[in-house]
Amino acid sequence: MIKILGFILTIAGAISLVMGILGVFGSMDIGMSPWALIILGVIFFIAGIGLLKNRKDTDQT
């Protein structure tokens, strides 16, 4: 379960980072501050990678 959450956070962070960077450089209008997307993307990406690296899956016996 923890690895699934880590994978989802990593993917969400990567998508948020890409959208934020495209918003900063002006090629995409998102409707919110692109800097907020970049900050959230970094937080989610680092949290997801941390979960994937340091946690063992609790569903396995």
PDB file of N, CA and C in Angstrom:
ATOM      1  N   MET A   1       0.818  -1.196   0.000  1.00  0.00           N
ATOM      2  CA  MET A   1       0.000   0.000   0.000  1.00  0.00           C
ATOM      3  C   MET A   1       0.858   1.254   0.000  1.00  0.00           C
ATOM      4  N   ILE A   2       1.951   1.220   0.757  1.00  0.00           N
ATOM      5  CA  ILE A   2       2.808   2.400   0.843  1.00  0.00           C
ATOM      6  C   ILE A   2       3.513   2.637  -0.491  1.00  0.00           C
ATOM      7  N   LYS A   3       3.893   1.562  -1.181  1.00  0.00           N
ATOM      8  CA  LYS A   3       4.550   1.736  -2.475  1.00  0.00           C
ATOM      9  C   LYS A   3       3.588   2.304  -3.514  1.00  0.00           C
ATOM     10  N   ILE A   4       2.322   1.948  -3.429  1.00  0.00           N
ATOM     11  CA  ILE A   4       1.330   2.506  -4.349  1.00  0.00           C
ATOM     12  C   ILE A   4       1.174   3.998  -4.098  1.00  0.00           C
ATOM     13  N   LEU A   5       1.094   4.389  -2.837  1.00  0.00           N
ATOM     14  CA  LEU A   5       0.994   5.805  -2.492  1.00  0.00           C
ATOM     15  C   LEU A   5       2.243   6.560  -2.948  1.00  0.00           C
ATOM     16  N   GLY A   6       3.411   5.977  -2.766  1.00  0.00           N
ATOM     17  CA  GLY A   6       4.647   6.598  -3.222  1.00  0.00           C
ATOM     18  C   GLY A   6       4.677   6.780  -4.728  1.00  0.00           C
ATOM     19  N   PHE A   7       4.197   5.774  -5.450  1.00  0.00           N
ATOM     20  CA  PHE A   7       4.145   5.863  -6.910  1.00  0.00           C
ATOM     21  C   PHE A   7       3.194   6.965  -7.358  1.00  0.00           C
ATOM     22  N   ILE A   8       2.021   7.050  -6.720  1.00  0.00           N
ATOM     23  CA  ILE A   8       1.041   8.081  -7.070  1.00  0.00           C
ATOM     24  C   ILE A   8       1.591   9.473  -6.771  1.00  0.00           C
ATOM     25  N   LEU A   9       2.235   9.642  -5.616  1.00  0.00           N
ATOM     26  CA  LEU A   9       2.818  10.939  -5.273  1.00  0.00           C
ATOM     27  C   LEU A   9       3.930  11.323  -6.244  1.00  0.00           C
ATOM     28  N   THR A  10       4.735  10.365  -6.655  1.00  0.00           N
ATOM     29  CA  THR A  10       5.815  10.651  -7.594  1.00  0.00           C
ATOM     30  C   THR A  10       5.263  11.097  -8.942  1.00  0.00           C
ATOM     31  N   ILE A  11       4.259  10.398  -9.448  1.00  0.00           N
ATOM     32  CA  ILE A  11       3.658  10.759 -10.734  1.00  0.00           C
ATOM     33  C   ILE A  11       2.974  12.121 -10.647  1.00  0.00           C
ATOM     34  N   ALA A  12       2.221  12.363  -9.558  1.00  0.00           N
ATOM     35  CA  ALA A  12       1.551  13.655  -9.390  1.00  0.00           C
ATOM     36  C   ALA A  12       2.564  14.789  -9.282  1.00  0.00           C
ATOM     37  N   GLY A  13       3.656  14.552  -8.587  1.00  0.00           N
ATOM     38  CA  GLY A  13       4.697  15.562  -8.472  1.00  0.00           C
ATOM     39  C   GLY A  13       5.351  15.869  -9.803  1.00  0.00           C
ATOM     40  N   ALA A  14       5.617  14.842 -10.588  1.00  0.00           N
ATOM     41  CA  ALA A  14       6.235  15.051 -11.896  1.00  0.00           C
ATOM     42  C   ALA A  14       5.308  15.827 -12.827  1.00  0.00           C
ATOM     43  N   ILE A  15       4.025  15.492 -12.822  1.00  0.00           N
ATOM     44  CA  ILE A  15       3.059  16.213 -13.657  1.00  0.00           C
ATOM     45  C   ILE A  15       2.958  17.662 -13.218  1.00  0.00           C
ATOM     46  N   SER A  16       2.912  17.888 -11.915  1.00  0.00           N
ATOM     47  CA  SER A  16       2.825  19.246 -11.392  1.00  0.00           C
ATOM     48  C   SER A  16       4.075  20.055 -11.730  1.00  0.00           C
ATOM     49  N   LEU A  17       5.240  19.424 -11.642  1.00  0.00           N
ATOM     50  CA  LEU A  17       6.480  20.114 -12.014  1.00  0.00           C
ATOM     51  C   LEU A  17       6.480  20.519 -13.484  1.00  0.00           C
ATOM     52  N   VAL A  18       6.072  19.623 -14.355  1.00  0.00           N
ATOM     53  CA  VAL A  18       6.050  19.926 -15.789  1.00  0.00           C
ATOM     54  C   VAL A  18       5.070  21.056 -16.079  1.00  0.00           C
ATOM     55  N   MET A  19       3.873  20.988 -15.502  1.00  0.00           N
ATOM     56  CA  MET A  19       2.887  22.046 -15.732  1.00  0.00           C
ATOM     57  C   MET A  19       3.360  23.380 -15.171  1.00  0.00           C
ATOM     58  N   GLY A  20       4.000  23.361 -14.010  1.00  0.00           N
ATOM     59  CA  GLY A  20       4.507  24.590 -13.419  1.00  0.00           C
ATOM     60  C   GLY A  20       5.608  25.214 -14.245  1.00  0.00           C
ATOM     61  N   ILE A  21       6.523  24.401 -14.743  1.00  0.00           N
ATOM     62  CA  ILE A  21       7.619  24.930 -15.558  1.00  0.00           C
ATOM     63  C   ILE A  21       7.090  25.467 -16.882  1.00  0.00           C
ATOM     64  N   LEU A  22       6.132  24.778 -17.484  1.00  0.00           N
ATOM     65  CA  LEU A  22       5.522  25.304 -18.706  1.00  0.00           C
ATOM     66  C   LEU A  22       4.784  26.612 -18.432  1.00  0.00           C
ATOM     67  N   GLY A  23       4.161  26.734 -17.264  1.00  0.00           N
ATOM     68  CA  GLY A  23       3.478  27.970 -16.903  1.00  0.00           C
ATOM     69  C   GLY A  23       4.435  29.119 -16.658  1.00  0.00           C
ATOM     70  N   VAL A  24       5.587  28.843 -16.062  1.00  0.00           N
ATOM     71  CA  VAL A  24       6.576  29.895 -15.803  1.00  0.00           C
ATOM     72  C   VAL A  24       7.127  30.443 -17.112  1.00  0.00           C
ATOM     73  N   PHE A  25       7.394  29.579 -18.066  1.00  0.00           N
ATOM     74  CA  PHE A  25       7.970  30.034 -19.320  1.00  0.00           C
ATOM     75  C   PHE A  25       6.915  30.483 -20.325  1.00  0.00           C
ATOM     76  N   GLY A  26       5.648  30.502 -19.941  1.00  0.00           N
ATOM     77  CA  GLY A  26       4.615  31.154 -20.720  1.00  0.00           C
ATOM     78  C   GLY A  26       3.959  30.342 -21.805  1.00  0.00           C
ATOM     79  N   SER A  27       4.252  29.068 -21.922  1.00  0.00           N
ATOM     80  CA  SER A  27       3.642  28.301 -23.000  1.00  0.00           C
ATOM     81  C   SER A  27       2.360  27.587 -22.569  1.00  0.00           C
ATOM     82  N   MET A  28       1.945  27.765 -21.306  1.00  0.00           N
ATOM     83  CA  MET A  28       0.719  27.130 -20.830  1.00  0.00           C
ATOM     84  C   MET A  28       0.059  28.032 -19.793  1.00  0.00           C
ATOM     85  N   ASP A  29      -1.235  28.297 -19.981  1.00  0.00           N
ATOM     86  CA  ASP A  29      -1.979  29.076 -19.000  1.00  0.00           C
ATOM     87  C   ASP A  29      -2.794  28.109 -18.147  1.00  0.00           C
ATOM     88  N   ILE A  30      -2.473  28.049 -16.872  1.00  0.00           N
ATOM     89  CA  ILE A  30      -3.047  27.037 -15.992  1.00  0.00           C
ATOM     90  C   ILE A  30      -4.248  27.567 -15.224  1.00  0.00           C
ATOM     91  N   GLY A  31      -4.243  28.845 -14.900  1.00  0.00           N
ATOM     92  CA  GLY A  31      -5.324  29.418 -14.114  1.00  0.00           C
ATOM     93  C   GLY A  31      -4.942  29.658 -12.674  1.00  0.00           C
ATOM     94  N   MET A  32      -3.752  29.225 -12.291  1.00  0.00           N
ATOM     95  CA  MET A  32      -3.227  29.511 -10.960  1.00  0.00           C
ATOM     96  C   MET A  32      -1.741  29.812 -11.091  1.00  0.00           C
ATOM     97  N   SER A  33      -1.136  30.215  -9.997  1.00  0.00           N
ATOM     98  CA  SER A  33       0.274  30.590 -10.033  1.00  0.00           C
ATOM     99  C   SER A  33       1.142  29.387 -10.401  1.00  0.00           C
ATOM    100  N   PRO A  34       1.983  29.533 -11.417  1.00  0.00           N
ATOM    101  CA  PRO A  34       2.846  28.403 -11.773  1.00  0.00           C
ATOM    102  C   PRO A  34       3.873  28.095 -10.687  1.00  0.00           C
ATOM    103  N   TRP A  35       4.240  29.107  -9.889  1.00  0.00           N
ATOM    104  CA  TRP A  35       5.197  28.865  -8.806  1.00  0.00           C
ATOM    105  C   TRP A  35       4.592  27.956  -7.744  1.00  0.00           C
ATOM    106  N   ALA A  36       3.295  28.081  -7.512  1.00  0.00           N
ATOM    107  CA  ALA A  36       2.632  27.185  -6.560  1.00  0.00           C
ATOM    108  C   ALA A  36       2.681  25.744  -7.060  1.00  0.00           C
ATOM    109  N   LEU A  37       2.483  25.563  -8.355  1.00  0.00           N
ATOM    110  CA  LEU A  37       2.561  24.210  -8.921  1.00  0.00           C
ATOM    111  C   LEU A  37       3.969  23.641  -8.818  1.00  0.00           C
ATOM    112  N   ILE A  38       4.973  24.489  -9.028  1.00  0.00           N
ATOM    113  CA  ILE A  38       6.354  24.015  -8.922  1.00  0.00           C
ATOM    114  C   ILE A  38       6.664  23.593  -7.492  1.00  0.00           C
ATOM    115  N   ILE A  39       6.251  24.407  -6.520  1.00  0.00           N
ATOM    116  CA  ILE A  39       6.516  24.078  -5.114  1.00  0.00           C
ATOM    117  C   ILE A  39       5.799  22.790  -4.716  1.00  0.00           C
ATOM    118  N   LEU A  40       4.518  22.672  -5.079  1.00  0.00           N
ATOM    119  CA  LEU A  40       3.780  21.447  -4.765  1.00  0.00           C
ATOM    120  C   LEU A  40       4.368  20.238  -5.494  1.00  0.00           C
ATOM    121  N   GLY A  41       4.790  20.441  -6.727  1.00  0.00           N
ATOM    122  CA  GLY A  41       5.402  19.353  -7.478  1.00  0.00           C
ATOM    123  C   GLY A  41       6.674  18.848  -6.829  1.00  0.00           C
ATOM    124  N   VAL A  42       7.507  19.778  -6.357  1.00  0.00           N
ATOM    125  CA  VAL A  42       8.746  19.380  -5.683  1.00  0.00           C
ATOM    126  C   VAL A  42       8.432  18.612  -4.403  1.00  0.00           C
ATOM    127  N   ILE A  43       7.475  19.117  -3.623  1.00  0.00           N
ATOM    128  CA  ILE A  43       7.115  18.454  -2.363  1.00  0.00           C
ATOM    129  C   ILE A  43       6.573  17.048  -2.625  1.00  0.00           C
ATOM    130  N   PHE A  44       5.629  16.923  -3.566  1.00  0.00           N
ATOM    131  CA  PHE A  44       5.046  15.613  -3.861  1.00  0.00           C
ATOM    132  C   PHE A  44       6.087  14.655  -4.438  1.00  0.00           C
ATOM    133  N   PHE A  45       6.941  15.160  -5.330  1.00  0.00           N
ATOM    134  CA  PHE A  45       7.942  14.303  -5.961  1.00  0.00           C
ATOM    135  C   PHE A  45       8.936  13.771  -4.935  1.00  0.00           C
ATOM    136  N   ILE A  46       9.426  14.647  -4.067  1.00  0.00           N
ATOM    137  CA  ILE A  46      10.385  14.215  -3.044  1.00  0.00           C
ATOM    138  C   ILE A  46       9.725  13.256  -2.053  1.00  0.00           C
ATOM    139  N   ALA A  47       8.470  13.539  -1.677  1.00  0.00           N
ATOM    140  CA  ALA A  47       7.768  12.648  -0.757  1.00  0.00           C
ATOM    141  C   ALA A  47       7.547  11.272  -1.385  1.00  0.00           C
ATOM    142  N   GLY A  48       7.175  11.243  -2.650  1.00  0.00           N
ATOM    143  CA  GLY A  48       6.962   9.968  -3.330  1.00  0.00           C
ATOM    144  C   GLY A  48       8.234   9.160  -3.472  1.00  0.00           C
ATOM    145  N   ILE A  49       9.322   9.814  -3.851  1.00  0.00           N
ATOM    146  CA  ILE A  49      10.600   9.119  -3.971  1.00  0.00           C
ATOM    147  C   ILE A  49      11.051   8.609  -2.606  1.00  0.00           C
ATOM    148  N   GLY A  50      10.844   9.415  -1.572  1.00  0.00           N
ATOM    149  CA  GLY A  50      11.213   8.987  -0.221  1.00  0.00           C
ATOM    150  C   GLY A  50      10.431   7.769   0.226  1.00  0.00           C
ATOM    151  N   LEU A  51       9.143   7.733  -0.087  1.00  0.00           N
ATOM    152  CA  LEU A  51       8.339   6.561   0.270  1.00  0.00           C
ATOM    153  C   LEU A  51       8.788   5.325  -0.499  1.00  0.00           C
ATOM    154  N   LEU A  52       9.122   5.499  -1.758  1.00  0.00           N
ATOM    155  CA  LEU A  52       9.544   4.345  -2.551  1.00  0.00           C
ATOM    156  C   LEU A  52      10.900   3.811  -2.102  1.00  0.00           C
ATOM    157  N   LYS A  53      11.780   4.686  -1.641  1.00  0.00           N
ATOM    158  CA  LYS A  53      13.118   4.244  -1.257  1.00  0.00           C
ATOM    159  C   LYS A  53      13.171   3.639   0.141  1.00  0.00           C
ATOM    160  N   ASN A  54      12.443   4.205   1.097  1.00  0.00           N
ATOM    161  CA  ASN A  54      12.683   3.877   2.502  1.00  0.00           C
ATOM    162  C   ASN A  54      11.630   3.002   3.165  1.00  0.00           C
ATOM    163  N   ARG A  55      10.522   2.735   2.536  1.00  0.00           N
ATOM    164  CA  ARG A  55       9.457   1.979   3.186  1.00  0.00           C
ATOM    165  C   ARG A  55       9.326   0.601   2.569  1.00  0.00           C
ATOM    166  N   LYS A  56       9.043  -0.357   3.423  1.00  0.00           N
ATOM    167  CA  LYS A  56       8.728  -1.692   2.932  1.00  0.00           C
ATOM    168  C   LYS A  56       7.215  -1.799   2.817  1.00  0.00           C
ATOM    169  N   ASP A  57       6.767  -2.533   1.835  1.00  0.00           N
ATOM    170  CA  ASP A  57       5.335  -2.680   1.609  1.00  0.00           C
ATOM    171  C   ASP A  57       4.714  -3.506   2.727  1.00  0.00           C
ATOM    172  N   THR A  58       3.658  -2.989   3.341  1.00  0.00           N
ATOM    173  CA  THR A  58       3.038  -3.662   4.481  1.00  0.00           C
ATOM    174  C   THR A  58       2.045  -4.739   4.056  1.00  0.00           C
ATOM    175  N   ASP A  59       1.710  -4.811   2.766  1.00  0.00           N
ATOM    176  CA  ASP A  59       0.753  -5.814   2.313  1.00  0.00           C
ATOM    177  C   ASP A  59       1.386  -7.195   2.179  1.00  0.00           C
ATOM    178  N   GLN A  60       2.690  -7.260   2.078  1.00  0.00           N
ATOM    179  CA  GLN A  60       3.364  -8.541   1.914  1.00  0.00           C
ATOM    180  C   GLN A  60       3.657  -9.150   3.277  1.00  0.00           C
ATOM    181  N   THR A  61       3.526 -10.466   3.361  1.00  0.00           N
ATOM    182  CA  THR A  61       3.804 -11.132   4.640  1.00  0.00           C
ATOM    183  C   THR A  61       5.075 -11.931   4.582  1.00  0.00           C
TER     184      THR A  61
END
